Amino acid sequence: MPPAFSTAEKARISRLLLETGHQLFTTQGLRKTSLEELVAPAGVAKSTFYLFFDSKESLYLELMLRQTARVTRKVIDEALLSTPDPREGLRRFLRATLDELSTNPLWRRLMTHPEEMQAVARKLDPARVTGMAENPVTALHDHIAARQAKGEIVGDDPAVVIGVLQTVLLVPMNAERLGDPDRHPQILDLLIDIVATGLTPEKS
């Protein structure tokens, strides 16, 4: 019979599971994180974990959902959509996303290990993963598709444009190969400008 926890105990255990999951998922990843490691700080048995989350993947998704609205607001609403100029919008999106990746280890983990979110999607109801409210990936896709339909962004496949943008976002993760660290900001600024210019046709 599962143990009976008070409201305060439930809140404490849930908080510790979320905090421990965030730490372990961002440092060693979903696959290498064990249930034993997740429950140890809370001082509960592995079976107790399932009173709070269906699986490791459920905990991972919960952590993502708790950040999604804020990340979307920062990189979509306050950057991509903050100007009617599609070229400047792409510039702002890239800069805001690079800043988010530098300060948010869980989103950075997703960028460098996308297979982890794919593992979450396979384990859980895909509709819950792809349909989560205010998803920045979905918002970016829809924005690019709408701009392409108007001829304001090149091409007709949003996934290709998103792939180009993701390539820029990977650059800081390989910064040690870029030479003089003092020049990294200028390198990124120029790359962002080149990509944003290349993805948007010249105004007539």
Protein backbone atom coordinates (compact mmCIF):
# COMPACT_ATOMS: atom_id res chain seq x y z
CA MET A 1 0.00 0.00 0.00
CA PRO A 2 1.51 3.37 -0.99
CA PRO A 3 2.56 5.66 1.87
CA ALA A 4 0.26 8.49 2.87
CA PHE A 5 1.94 11.88 2.62
CA SER A 6 0.72 15.14 4.04
CA THR A 7 0.17 18.08 1.72
CA ALA A 8 3.44 19.61 2.91
CA GLU A 9 5.34 16.36 2.35
CA LYS A 10 3.91 16.00 -1.15
CA ALA A 11 4.99 19.55 -1.98
CA ARG A 12 8.49 18.93 -0.61
CA ILE A 13 8.95 15.66 -2.53
CA SER A 14 7.61 17.15 -5.77
CA ARG A 15 9.93 20.14 -5.44
CA LEU A 16 12.96 17.94 -4.79
CA LEU A 17 12.14 15.64 -7.72
CA LEU A 18 11.87 18.63 -10.04
CA GLU A 19 15.07 20.21 -8.74
CA THR A 20 17.01 16.94 -8.93
CA GLY A 21 15.63 16.15 -12.38
CA HIS A 22 16.66 19.57 -13.66
CA GLN A 23 20.19 19.14 -12.31
CA LEU A 24 20.68 15.59 -13.57
CA PHE A 25 18.99 15.98 -16.96
CA THR A 26 21.08 19.05 -17.78
CA THR A 27 24.39 17.51 -16.68
CA GLN A 28 24.14 13.85 -17.68
CA GLY A 29 20.98 13.57 -19.77
CA LEU A 30 17.76 11.61 -19.69
CA ARG A 31 19.10 8.17 -20.54
CA LYS A 32 21.95 8.17 -18.00
CA THR A 33 19.78 9.47 -15.16
CA SER A 34 18.44 6.65 -12.99
CA LEU A 35 15.39 6.56 -10.75
CA GLU A 36 17.70 5.92 -7.80
CA GLU A 37 19.46 9.22 -8.46
CA LEU A 38 16.19 11.08 -8.89
CA VAL A 39 14.64 9.94 -5.61
CA ALA A 40 17.77 10.00 -3.42
CA PRO A 41 17.60 13.69 -2.36
CA ALA A 42 13.92 13.31 -1.48
CA GLY A 43 14.65 10.27 0.66
CA VAL A 44 11.84 8.17 -0.81
CA ALA A 45 11.61 4.77 -2.47
CA LYS A 46 11.60 4.36 -6.25
CA SER A 47 7.98 3.23 -6.10
CA THR A 48 7.07 6.60 -4.55
CA PHE A 49 8.35 8.37 -7.67
CA TYR A 50 5.38 6.98 -9.59
CA LEU A 51 2.96 8.69 -7.24
CA PHE A 52 4.23 11.98 -8.68
CA PHE A 53 5.31 11.17 -12.27
CA ASP A 54 4.51 8.32 -14.64
CA SER A 55 8.12 8.07 -15.81
CA LYS A 56 11.42 9.92 -16.16
CA GLU A 57 10.09 11.23 -19.44
CA SER A 58 7.05 12.72 -17.70
CA LEU A 59 9.34 14.56 -15.28
CA TYR A 60 11.47 15.81 -18.17
CA LEU A 61 8.42 17.10 -20.02
CA GLU A 62 7.08 18.79 -16.88
CA LEU A 63 10.36 20.69 -16.55
CA MET A 64 10.10 21.79 -20.19
CA LEU A 65 6.46 22.84 -19.82
CA ARG A 66 7.31 25.01 -16.83
CA GLN A 67 9.76 26.99 -18.97
CA THR A 68 7.97 27.02 -22.30
CA ALA A 69 5.79 30.09 -21.81
CA ARG A 70 8.69 32.25 -20.63
CA VAL A 71 11.01 31.08 -23.40
CA THR A 72 8.32 31.66 -26.03
CA ARG A 73 7.68 35.16 -24.75
CA LYS A 74 11.39 35.99 -24.86
CA VAL A 75 12.40 34.54 -28.24
CA ILE A 76 9.10 34.81 -30.15
CA ASP A 77 6.95 37.63 -28.77
CA GLU A 78 9.73 39.98 -27.65
CA ALA A 79 12.14 39.17 -30.49
CA LEU A 80 10.83 37.50 -33.66
CA LEU A 81 7.45 39.27 -33.62
CA SER A 82 8.65 42.57 -32.17
CA THR A 83 9.16 44.17 -35.58
CA PRO A 84 7.27 44.06 -38.90
CA ASP A 85 10.61 43.68 -40.72
CA PRO A 86 11.16 39.92 -41.26
CA ARG A 87 14.94 40.33 -41.59
CA GLU A 88 15.25 42.22 -38.33
CA GLY A 89 12.87 39.75 -36.70
CA LEU A 90 15.19 36.87 -37.58
CA ARG A 91 18.17 38.81 -36.23
CA ARG A 92 16.37 39.46 -32.95
CA PHE A 93 15.19 35.86 -32.71
CA LEU A 94 18.71 34.49 -33.14
CA ARG A 95 20.22 36.88 -30.60
CA ALA A 96 17.49 36.22 -28.04
CA THR A 97 17.75 32.46 -28.51
CA LEU A 98 21.54 32.51 -28.21
CA ASP A 99 21.16 34.44 -24.98
CA GLU A 100 18.60 31.92 -23.71
CA LEU A 101 20.87 28.99 -24.56
CA SER A 102 23.74 30.63 -22.68
CA THR A 103 21.69 30.99 -19.49
CA ASN A 104 19.22 28.09 -19.63
CA PRO A 105 20.98 24.71 -19.35
CA LEU A 106 17.86 22.61 -19.99
CA TRP A 107 17.08 24.31 -23.31
CA ARG A 108 20.77 24.14 -24.22
CA ARG A 109 20.65 20.40 -23.52
CA LEU A 110 17.73 20.05 -25.92
CA MET A 111 19.63 21.93 -28.62
CA THR A 112 22.68 19.68 -28.34
CA HIS A 113 20.74 16.44 -27.67
CA PRO A 114 17.44 16.62 -29.61
CA GLU A 115 17.12 12.84 -29.35
CA GLU A 116 16.12 13.29 -25.71
CA MET A 117 12.94 15.15 -26.61
CA GLN A 118 12.29 12.50 -29.26
CA ALA A 119 12.58 9.87 -26.52
CA VAL A 120 10.06 11.83 -24.46
CA ALA A 121 7.68 11.97 -27.43
CA ARG A 122 7.94 8.22 -27.99
CA LYS A 123 7.25 7.41 -24.34
CA LEU A 124 4.41 9.88 -23.82
CA ASP A 125 1.34 10.93 -25.75
CA PRO A 126 2.82 12.77 -28.78
CA ALA A 127 -0.11 15.20 -28.77
CA ARG A 128 0.90 16.39 -25.32
CA VAL A 129 4.47 17.01 -26.47
CA THR A 130 3.83 18.66 -29.81
CA GLY A 131 0.67 20.44 -28.79
CA MET A 132 1.94 22.02 -25.60
CA ALA A 133 0.75 25.59 -25.22
CA GLU A 134 2.94 28.43 -26.44
CA ASN A 135 5.52 26.12 -27.97
CA PRO A 136 8.37 28.26 -29.41
CA VAL A 137 9.20 25.66 -32.07
CA THR A 138 5.62 25.60 -33.35
CA ALA A 139 5.38 29.39 -33.20
CA LEU A 140 8.62 29.75 -35.19
CA HIS A 141 7.43 27.23 -37.81
CA ASP A 142 4.08 28.99 -38.24
CA HIS A 143 5.71 32.41 -38.50
CA ILE A 144 8.18 31.28 -41.15
CA ALA A 145 5.46 29.51 -43.16
CA ALA A 146 3.33 32.68 -43.11
CA ARG A 147 6.26 34.85 -44.19
CA GLN A 148 7.17 32.41 -46.96
CA ALA A 149 3.61 32.53 -48.26
CA LYS A 150 3.99 36.31 -48.57
CA GLY A 151 7.40 36.03 -50.23
CA GLU A 152 9.08 37.69 -47.23
CA ILE A 153 11.29 34.70 -46.39
CA VAL A 154 12.92 32.60 -49.09
CA GLY A 155 11.87 29.05 -49.95
CA ASP A 156 8.69 27.14 -49.34
CA ASP A 157 9.76 24.66 -46.65
CA PRO A 158 9.85 26.11 -43.11
CA ALA A 159 11.87 23.13 -41.88
CA VAL A 160 14.78 24.12 -44.13
CA VAL A 161 14.84 27.66 -42.77
CA ILE A 162 14.58 26.38 -39.20
CA GLY A 163 17.52 24.08 -39.93
CA VAL A 164 19.60 27.06 -41.05
CA LEU A 165 18.68 28.97 -37.89
CA GLN A 166 19.57 25.97 -35.73
CA THR A 167 22.97 25.82 -37.40
CA VAL A 168 23.68 29.36 -36.21
CA LEU A 169 22.58 28.40 -32.68
CA LEU A 170 25.12 25.55 -32.64
CA VAL A 171 28.07 27.84 -33.30
CA PRO A 172 28.69 28.93 -29.68
CA MET A 173 28.77 25.28 -28.63
CA ASN A 174 31.83 24.86 -30.85
CA ALA A 175 33.38 28.19 -29.92
CA GLU A 176 36.78 26.65 -29.16
CA ARG A 177 37.19 26.04 -32.91
CA LEU A 178 36.60 29.66 -33.88
CA GLY A 179 40.03 30.98 -33.02
CA ASP A 180 40.49 34.17 -31.00
CA PRO A 181 37.79 34.21 -28.25
CA ASP A 182 37.84 38.01 -28.24
CA ARG A 183 36.42 37.94 -31.77
CA HIS A 184 33.56 35.52 -31.04
CA PRO A 185 30.93 38.26 -30.53
CA GLN A 186 31.86 39.92 -33.83
CA ILE A 187 31.85 36.54 -35.60
CA LEU A 188 28.38 35.77 -34.32
CA ASP A 189 27.07 39.25 -35.16
CA LEU A 190 28.33 38.95 -38.73
CA LEU A 191 27.00 35.40 -39.11
CA ILE A 192 23.57 36.43 -37.82
CA ASP A 193 23.49 39.34 -40.26
CA ILE A 194 24.56 37.14 -43.19
CA VAL A 195 21.95 34.47 -42.40
CA ALA A 196 19.11 36.94 -41.81
CA THR A 197 19.99 38.75 -45.04
CA GLY A 198 20.24 35.53 -47.01
CA LEU A 199 16.86 34.27 -45.80
CA THR A 200 14.99 37.44 -46.72
CA PRO A 201 14.75 38.83 -50.27
CA GLU A 202 15.71 42.41 -50.98
CA LYS A 203 12.85 44.85 -50.79
CA SER A 204 11.78 46.17 -54.17
